[in-house]
Amino acid sequence: MTPVNFACHLGEGGIDLGVTVDEGVPPGYDGVIQRVPNDPPGALRYQIEWTSGGGVCCFNSVAEAKAAYQYANFFVIE
């Protein structure tokens, strides 16, 4: 995963544009563990997105998410 940001300055104001590409769960994995999008500052919660669709939220750490589904093979995005 590579973050890419584009920034434009328009006159006296500014606009920040961001692009996010979500390719889903990579082949060979049961799910992805990643931070909860748009979490408030300071909140470090994680969610699981499953290959079969759907997801589970909210875990306080990657280790907690892995422990809840110990037999699943996860791709982790931190």
PDB file of N, CA and C in Angstrom:
ATOM      1  N   MET A   1       0.847  -1.166   0.000  1.00  0.00           N
ATOM      2  CA  MET A   1       0.000   0.000   0.000  1.00  0.00           C
ATOM      3  C   MET A   1       0.891   1.226   0.000  1.00  0.00           C
ATOM      4  N   THR A   2       0.611   2.160  -0.901  1.00  0.00           N
ATOM      5  CA  THR A   2       1.382   3.388  -1.000  1.00  0.00           C
ATOM      6  C   THR A   2       0.443   4.582  -0.919  1.00  0.00           C
ATOM      7  N   PRO A   3       0.609   5.447   0.084  1.00  0.00           N
ATOM      8  CA  PRO A   3      -0.228   6.637   0.135  1.00  0.00           C
ATOM      9  C   PRO A   3       0.191   7.630  -0.954  1.00  0.00           C
ATOM     10  N   VAL A   4      -0.804   8.202  -1.626  1.00  0.00           N
ATOM     11  CA  VAL A   4      -0.561   9.203  -2.664  1.00  0.00           C
ATOM     12  C   VAL A   4      -1.485  10.372  -2.388  1.00  0.00           C
ATOM     13  N   ASN A   5      -0.941  11.567  -2.251  1.00  0.00           N
ATOM     14  CA  ASN A   5      -1.745  12.760  -2.012  1.00  0.00           C
ATOM     15  C   ASN A   5      -1.498  13.782  -3.103  1.00  0.00           C
ATOM     16  N   PHE A   6      -2.555  14.459  -3.515  1.00  0.00           N
ATOM     17  CA  PHE A   6      -2.468  15.538  -4.485  1.00  0.00           C
ATOM     18  C   PHE A   6      -2.937  16.806  -3.782  1.00  0.00           C
ATOM     19  N   ALA A   7      -2.241  17.910  -3.967  1.00  0.00           N
ATOM     20  CA  ALA A   7      -2.646  19.177  -3.367  1.00  0.00           C
ATOM     21  C   ALA A   7      -2.712  20.246  -4.446  1.00  0.00           C
ATOM     22  N   CYS A   8      -3.759  21.068  -4.382  1.00  0.00           N
ATOM     23  CA  CYS A   8      -3.945  22.163  -5.329  1.00  0.00           C
ATOM     24  C   CYS A   8      -4.142  23.441  -4.545  1.00  0.00           C
ATOM     25  N   HIS A   9      -3.604  24.523  -5.042  1.00  0.00           N
ATOM     26  CA  HIS A   9      -3.805  25.823  -4.411  1.00  0.00           C
ATOM     27  C   HIS A   9      -4.559  26.700  -5.386  1.00  0.00           C
ATOM     28  N   LEU A  10      -5.708  27.199  -4.955  1.00  0.00           N
ATOM     29  CA  LEU A  10      -6.548  28.010  -5.811  1.00  0.00           C
ATOM     30  C   LEU A  10      -6.659  29.413  -5.234  1.00  0.00           C
ATOM     31  N   GLY A  11      -5.913  30.352  -5.800  1.00  0.00           N
ATOM     32  CA  GLY A  11      -5.979  31.742  -5.337  1.00  0.00           C
ATOM     33  C   GLY A  11      -5.634  31.847  -3.873  1.00  0.00           C
ATOM     34  N   GLU A  12      -6.501  32.513  -3.118  1.00  0.00           N
ATOM     35  CA  GLU A  12      -6.267  32.716  -1.691  1.00  0.00           C
ATOM     36  C   GLU A  12      -6.690  31.514  -0.859  1.00  0.00           C
ATOM     37  N   GLY A  13      -7.481  30.640  -1.431  1.00  0.00           N
ATOM     38  CA  GLY A  13      -7.937  29.450  -0.712  1.00  0.00           C
ATOM     39  C   GLY A  13      -7.134  28.249  -1.149  1.00  0.00           C
ATOM     40  N   GLY A  14      -7.421  27.150  -0.574  1.00  0.00           N
ATOM     41  CA  GLY A  14      -6.718  25.921  -0.938  1.00  0.00           C
ATOM     42  C   GLY A  14      -7.666  24.741  -0.930  1.00  0.00           C
ATOM     43  N   ILE A  15      -7.266  23.739  -1.608  1.00  0.00           N
ATOM     44  CA  ILE A  15      -8.054  22.500  -1.654  1.00  0.00           C
ATOM     45  C   ILE A  15      -7.073  21.346  -1.492  1.00  0.00           C
ATOM     46  N   ASP A  16      -7.368  20.419  -0.622  1.00  0.00           N
ATOM     47  CA  ASP A  16      -6.548  19.223  -0.481  1.00  0.00           C
ATOM     48  C   ASP A  16      -7.348  18.053  -1.044  1.00  0.00           C
ATOM     49  N   LEU A  17      -6.766  17.362  -1.967  1.00  0.00           N
ATOM     50  CA  LEU A  17      -7.414  16.201  -2.571  1.00  0.00           C
ATOM     51  C   LEU A  17      -6.661  14.949  -2.169  1.00  0.00           C
ATOM     52  N   GLY A  18      -7.383  13.905  -1.828  1.00  0.00           N
ATOM     53  CA  GLY A  18      -6.754  12.628  -1.506  1.00  0.00           C
ATOM     54  C   GLY A  18      -7.394  11.528  -2.334  1.00  0.00           C
ATOM     55  N   VAL A  19      -6.617  10.539  -2.687  1.00  0.00           N
ATOM     56  CA  VAL A  19      -7.113   9.410  -3.456  1.00  0.00           C
ATOM     57  C   VAL A  19      -6.827   8.144  -2.674  1.00  0.00           C
ATOM     58  N   THR A  20      -7.844   7.299  -2.523  1.00  0.00           N
ATOM     59  CA  THR A  20      -7.675   6.025  -1.845  1.00  0.00           C
ATOM     60  C   THR A  20      -8.100   4.918  -2.790  1.00  0.00           C
ATOM     61  N   VAL A  21      -7.259   3.924  -2.924  1.00  0.00           N
ATOM     62  CA  VAL A  21      -7.572   2.774  -3.763  1.00  0.00           C
ATOM     63  C   VAL A  21      -7.707   1.567  -2.856  1.00  0.00           C
ATOM     64  N   ASP A  22      -8.879   0.975  -2.864  1.00  0.00           N
ATOM     65  CA  ASP A  22      -9.122  -0.208  -2.053  1.00  0.00           C
ATOM     66  C   ASP A  22      -9.274  -1.393  -2.996  1.00  0.00           C
ATOM     67  N   GLU A  23      -8.299  -2.268  -2.978  1.00  0.00           N
ATOM     68  CA  GLU A  23      -8.324  -3.423  -3.865  1.00  0.00           C
ATOM     69  C   GLU A  23      -8.926  -4.643  -3.181  1.00  0.00           C
ATOM     70  N   GLY A  24      -9.478  -4.452  -1.997  1.00  0.00           N
ATOM     71  CA  GLY A  24     -10.076  -5.573  -1.278  1.00  0.00           C
ATOM     72  C   GLY A  24      -9.032  -6.454  -0.631  1.00  0.00           C
ATOM     73  N   VAL A  25      -9.411  -7.678  -0.383  1.00  0.00           N
ATOM     74  CA  VAL A  25      -8.540  -8.641   0.287  1.00  0.00           C
ATOM     75  C   VAL A  25      -7.637  -9.299  -0.749  1.00  0.00           C
ATOM     76  N   PRO A  26      -6.315  -9.264  -0.539  1.00  0.00           N
ATOM     77  CA  PRO A  26      -5.401  -9.902  -1.489  1.00  0.00           C
ATOM     78  C   PRO A  26      -5.624 -11.414  -1.563  1.00  0.00           C
ATOM     79  N   PRO A  27      -5.347 -12.016  -2.719  1.00  0.00           N
ATOM     80  CA  PRO A  27      -5.490 -13.466  -2.867  1.00  0.00           C
ATOM     81  C   PRO A  27      -4.666 -14.218  -1.816  1.00  0.00           C
ATOM     82  N   GLY A  28      -5.219 -15.301  -1.303  1.00  0.00           N
ATOM     83  CA  GLY A  28      -4.507 -16.125  -0.329  1.00  0.00           C
ATOM     84  C   GLY A  28      -4.788 -15.763   1.119  1.00  0.00           C
ATOM     85  N   TYR A  29      -5.538 -14.697   1.347  1.00  0.00           N
ATOM     86  CA  TYR A  29      -5.865 -14.264   2.711  1.00  0.00           C
ATOM     87  C   TYR A  29      -7.353 -14.413   2.963  1.00  0.00           C
ATOM     88  N   ASP A  30      -7.711 -14.631   4.237  1.00  0.00           N
ATOM     89  CA  ASP A  30      -9.121 -14.729   4.629  1.00  0.00           C
ATOM     90  C   ASP A  30      -9.737 -13.354   4.853  1.00  0.00           C
ATOM     91  N   GLY A  31      -8.902 -12.393   5.200  1.00  0.00           N
ATOM     92  CA  GLY A  31      -9.402 -11.052   5.476  1.00  0.00           C
ATOM     93  C   GLY A  31      -8.274 -10.058   5.653  1.00  0.00           C
ATOM     94  N   VAL A  32      -8.667  -8.803   5.799  1.00  0.00           N
ATOM     95  CA  VAL A  32      -7.726  -7.699   6.013  1.00  0.00           C
ATOM     96  C   VAL A  32      -8.048  -7.059   7.357  1.00  0.00           C
ATOM     97  N   ILE A  33      -7.009  -6.809   8.148  1.00  0.00           N
ATOM     98  CA  ILE A  33      -7.157  -6.037   9.380  1.00  0.00           C
ATOM     99  C   ILE A  33      -6.579  -4.657   9.093  1.00  0.00           C
ATOM    100  N   GLN A  34      -7.400  -3.625   9.358  1.00  0.00           N
ATOM    101  CA  GLN A  34      -6.945  -2.257   9.110  1.00  0.00           C
ATOM    102  C   GLN A  34      -7.602  -1.312  10.107  1.00  0.00           C
ATOM    103  N   ARG A  35      -7.051  -0.094  10.198  1.00  0.00           N
ATOM    104  CA  ARG A  35      -7.632   0.918  11.078  1.00  0.00           C
ATOM    105  C   ARG A  35      -9.020   1.274  10.610  1.00  0.00           C
ATOM    106  N   VAL A  36      -9.870   1.637  11.539  1.00  0.00           N
ATOM    107  CA  VAL A  36     -11.224   2.074  11.205  1.00  0.00           C
ATOM    108  C   VAL A  36     -11.125   3.429  10.521  1.00  0.00           C
ATOM    109  N   PRO A  37     -11.680   3.539   9.295  1.00  0.00           N
ATOM    110  CA  PRO A  37     -11.606   4.815   8.585  1.00  0.00           C
ATOM    111  C   PRO A  37     -12.368   5.910   9.334  1.00  0.00           C
ATOM    112  N   ASN A  38     -11.855   7.111   9.254  1.00  0.00           N
ATOM    113  CA  ASN A  38     -12.503   8.294   9.851  1.00  0.00           C
ATOM    114  C   ASN A  38     -12.675   8.194  11.359  1.00  0.00           C
ATOM    115  N   ASP A  39     -11.824   7.409  12.008  1.00  0.00           N
ATOM    116  CA  ASP A  39     -11.840   7.348  13.469  1.00  0.00           C
ATOM    117  C   ASP A  39     -11.448   8.718  14.014  1.00  0.00           C
ATOM    118  N   PRO A  40     -11.990   9.114  15.157  1.00  0.00           N
ATOM    119  CA  PRO A  40     -11.575  10.389  15.739  1.00  0.00           C
ATOM    120  C   PRO A  40     -10.090  10.370  16.091  1.00  0.00           C
ATOM    121  N   PRO A  41      -9.444  11.526  16.112  1.00  0.00           N
ATOM    122  CA  PRO A  41      -8.019  11.578  16.474  1.00  0.00           C
ATOM    123  C   PRO A  41      -7.767  10.896  17.824  1.00  0.00           C
ATOM    124  N   GLY A  42      -6.732  10.119  17.868  1.00  0.00           N
ATOM    125  CA  GLY A  42      -6.359   9.421  19.095  1.00  0.00           C
ATOM    126  C   GLY A  42      -6.993   8.045  19.248  1.00  0.00           C
ATOM    127  N   ALA A  43      -8.041   7.783  18.490  1.00  0.00           N
ATOM    128  CA  ALA A  43      -8.678   6.470  18.558  1.00  0.00           C
ATOM    129  C   ALA A  43      -7.891   5.500  17.685  1.00  0.00           C
ATOM    130  N   LEU A  44      -7.496   4.402  18.244  1.00  0.00           N
ATOM    131  CA  LEU A  44      -6.766   3.393  17.484  1.00  0.00           C
ATOM    132  C   LEU A  44      -7.584   2.117  17.475  1.00  0.00           C
ATOM    133  N   ARG A  45      -8.626   2.112  16.652  1.00  0.00           N
ATOM    134  CA  ARG A  45      -9.473   0.925  16.547  1.00  0.00           C
ATOM    135  C   ARG A  45      -9.232   0.269  15.199  1.00  0.00           C
ATOM    136  N   TYR A  46      -9.416  -1.038  15.186  1.00  0.00           N
ATOM    137  CA  TYR A  46      -9.180  -1.824  13.974  1.00  0.00           C
ATOM    138  C   TYR A  46     -10.436  -2.595  13.599  1.00  0.00           C
ATOM    139  N   GLN A  47     -10.557  -2.880  12.321  1.00  0.00           N
ATOM    140  CA  GLN A  47     -11.672  -3.664  11.814  1.00  0.00           C
ATOM    141  C   GLN A  47     -11.157  -4.766  10.908  1.00  0.00           C
ATOM    142  N   ILE A  48     -11.996  -5.752  10.664  1.00  0.00           N
ATOM    143  CA  ILE A  48     -11.671  -6.852   9.758  1.00  0.00           C
ATOM    144  C   ILE A  48     -12.613  -6.780   8.567  1.00  0.00           C
ATOM    145  N   GLU A  49     -12.053  -6.862   7.371  1.00  0.00           N
ATOM    146  CA  GLU A  49     -12.834  -6.994   6.143  1.00  0.00           C
ATOM    147  C   GLU A  49     -12.594  -8.405   5.628  1.00  0.00           C
ATOM    148  N   TRP A  50     -13.670  -9.177   5.438  1.00  0.00           N
ATOM    149  CA  TRP A  50     -13.555 -10.567   5.022  1.00  0.00           C
ATOM    150  C   TRP A  50     -13.562 -10.705   3.507  1.00  0.00           C
ATOM    151  N   THR A  51     -12.888 -11.750   3.006  1.00  0.00           N
ATOM    152  CA  THR A  51     -12.873 -12.067   1.588  1.00  0.00           C
ATOM    153  C   THR A  51     -14.292 -12.300   1.084  1.00  0.00           C
ATOM    154  N   SER A  52     -15.107 -12.946   1.880  1.00  0.00           N
ATOM    155  CA  SER A  52     -16.477 -13.288   1.487  1.00  0.00           C
ATOM    156  C   SER A  52     -17.436 -12.109   1.579  1.00  0.00           C
ATOM    157  N   GLY A  53     -16.927 -10.960   2.020  1.00  0.00           N
ATOM    158  CA  GLY A  53     -17.761  -9.775   2.185  1.00  0.00           C
ATOM    159  C   GLY A  53     -18.075  -9.545   3.647  1.00  0.00           C
ATOM    160  N   GLY A  54     -18.503  -8.356   3.943  1.00  0.00           N
ATOM    161  CA  GLY A  54     -18.823  -8.018   5.323  1.00  0.00           C
ATOM    162  C   GLY A  54     -17.578  -7.740   6.133  1.00  0.00           C
ATOM    163  N   GLY A  55     -17.799  -7.449   7.395  1.00  0.00           N
ATOM    164  CA  GLY A  55     -16.673  -7.146   8.259  1.00  0.00           C
ATOM    165  C   GLY A  55     -17.061  -7.183   9.717  1.00  0.00           C
ATOM    166  N   VAL A  56     -16.072  -6.980  10.558  1.00  0.00           N
ATOM    167  CA  VAL A  56     -16.251  -6.982  11.999  1.00  0.00           C
ATOM    168  C   VAL A  56     -15.506  -5.774  12.550  1.00  0.00           C
ATOM    169  N   CYS A  57     -16.150  -5.036  13.441  1.00  0.00           N
ATOM    170  CA  CYS A  57     -15.531  -3.883  14.072  1.00  0.00           C
ATOM    171  C   CYS A  57     -15.883  -3.942  15.548  1.00  0.00           C
ATOM    172  N   CYS A  58     -15.235  -3.539  16.394  1.00  0.00           N
ATOM    173  CA  CYS A  58     -14.042  -2.730  16.497  1.00  0.00           C
ATOM    174  C   CYS A  58     -13.117  -3.397  17.515  1.00  0.00           C
ATOM    175  N   PHE A  59     -11.866  -3.463  17.185  1.00  0.00           N
ATOM    176  CA  PHE A  59     -10.853  -4.063  18.045  1.00  0.00           C
ATOM    177  C   PHE A  59      -9.873  -2.972  18.461  1.00  0.00           C
ATOM    178  N   ASN A  60      -9.308  -3.106  19.648  1.00  0.00           N
ATOM    179  CA  ASN A  60      -8.367  -2.101  20.157  1.00  0.00           C
ATOM    180  C   ASN A  60      -6.948  -2.292  19.652  1.00  0.00           C
ATOM    181  N   SER A  61      -6.675  -3.434  19.024  1.00  0.00           N
ATOM    182  CA  SER A  61      -5.335  -3.680  18.493  1.00  0.00           C
ATOM    183  C   SER A  61      -5.417  -4.777  17.427  1.00  0.00           C
ATOM    184  N   VAL A  62      -4.354  -4.881  16.653  1.00  0.00           N
ATOM    185  CA  VAL A  62      -4.254  -5.954  15.663  1.00  0.00           C
ATOM    186  C   VAL A  62      -4.218  -7.293  16.376  1.00  0.00           C
ATOM    187  N   ALA A  63      -3.488  -7.361  17.491  1.00  0.00           N
ATOM    188  CA  ALA A  63      -3.383  -8.609  18.256  1.00  0.00           C
ATOM    189  C   ALA A  63      -4.752  -9.063  18.755  1.00  0.00           C
ATOM    190  N   GLU A  64      -5.590  -8.140  19.194  1.00  0.00           N
ATOM    191  CA  GLU A  64      -6.931  -8.486  19.668  1.00  0.00           C
ATOM    192  C   GLU A  64      -7.780  -9.046  18.520  1.00  0.00           C
ATOM    193  N   ALA A  65      -7.674  -8.439  17.343  1.00  0.00           N
ATOM    194  CA  ALA A  65      -8.425  -8.920  16.178  1.00  0.00           C
ATOM    195  C   ALA A  65      -7.960 -10.320  15.777  1.00  0.00           C
ATOM    196  N   LYS A  66      -6.644 -10.527  15.759  1.00  0.00           N
ATOM    197  CA  LYS A  66      -6.108 -11.851  15.410  1.00  0.00           C
ATOM    198  C   LYS A  66      -6.520 -12.903  16.427  1.00  0.00           C
ATOM    199  N   ALA A  67      -6.536 -12.545  17.705  1.00  0.00           N
ATOM    200  CA  ALA A  67      -6.904 -13.495  18.751  1.00  0.00           C
ATOM    201  C   ALA A  67      -8.374 -13.903  18.646  1.00  0.00           C
ATOM    202  N   ALA A  68      -9.223 -12.999  18.186  1.00  0.00           N
ATOM    203  CA  ALA A  68     -10.644 -13.296  18.057  1.00  0.00           C
ATOM    204  C   ALA A  68     -10.910 -14.303  16.937  1.00  0.00           C
ATOM    205  N   TYR A  69     -10.031 -14.326  15.945  1.00  0.00           N
ATOM    206  CA  TYR A  69     -10.170 -15.236  14.797  1.00  0.00           C
ATOM    207  C   TYR A  69      -8.817 -15.901  14.555  1.00  0.00           C
ATOM    208  N   GLN A  70      -8.386 -16.697  15.515  1.00  0.00           N
ATOM    209  CA  GLN A  70      -7.024 -17.230  15.514  1.00  0.00           C
ATOM    210  C   GLN A  70      -6.713 -18.171  14.357  1.00  0.00           C
ATOM    211  N   TYR A  71      -7.709 -18.724  13.686  1.00  0.00           N
ATOM    212  CA  TYR A  71      -7.441 -19.638  12.586  1.00  0.00           C
ATOM    213  C   TYR A  71      -7.500 -18.957  11.218  1.00  0.00           C
ATOM    214  N   ALA A  72      -7.765 -17.671  11.200  1.00  0.00           N
ATOM    215  CA  ALA A  72      -7.832 -16.943   9.930  1.00  0.00           C
ATOM    216  C   ALA A  72      -6.451 -16.422   9.537  1.00  0.00           C
ATOM    217  N   ASN A  73      -6.221 -16.331   8.245  1.00  0.00           N
ATOM    218  CA  ASN A  73      -4.974 -15.799   7.702  1.00  0.00           C
ATOM    219  C   ASN A  73      -5.245 -14.358   7.264  1.00  0.00           C
ATOM    220  N   PHE A  74      -4.650 -13.388   7.973  1.00  0.00           N
ATOM    221  CA  PHE A  74      -4.940 -11.980   7.734  1.00  0.00           C
ATOM    222  C   PHE A  74      -3.805 -11.247   7.035  1.00  0.00           C
ATOM    223  N   PHE A  75      -4.182 -10.323   6.202  1.00  0.00           N
ATOM    224  CA  PHE A  75      -3.269  -9.322   5.656  1.00  0.00           C
ATOM    225  C   PHE A  75      -3.482  -8.096   6.536  1.00  0.00           C
ATOM    226  N   VAL A  76      -2.414  -7.525   7.092  1.00  0.00           N
ATOM    227  CA  VAL A  76      -2.538  -6.414   8.042  1.00  0.00           C
ATOM    228  C   VAL A  76      -2.057  -5.125   7.392  1.00  0.00           C
ATOM    229  N   ILE A  77      -2.905  -4.100   7.481  1.00  0.00           N
ATOM    230  CA  ILE A  77      -2.555  -2.759   7.013  1.00  0.00           C
ATOM    231  C   ILE A  77      -2.530  -1.863   8.244  1.00  0.00           C
ATOM    232  N   GLU A  78      -1.356  -1.306   8.573  1.00  0.00           N
ATOM    233  CA  GLU A  78      -1.256  -0.437   9.764  1.00  0.00           C
ATOM    234  C   GLU A  78      -1.023   0.985   9.357  1.00  0.00           C
TER     235      GLU A  78
END
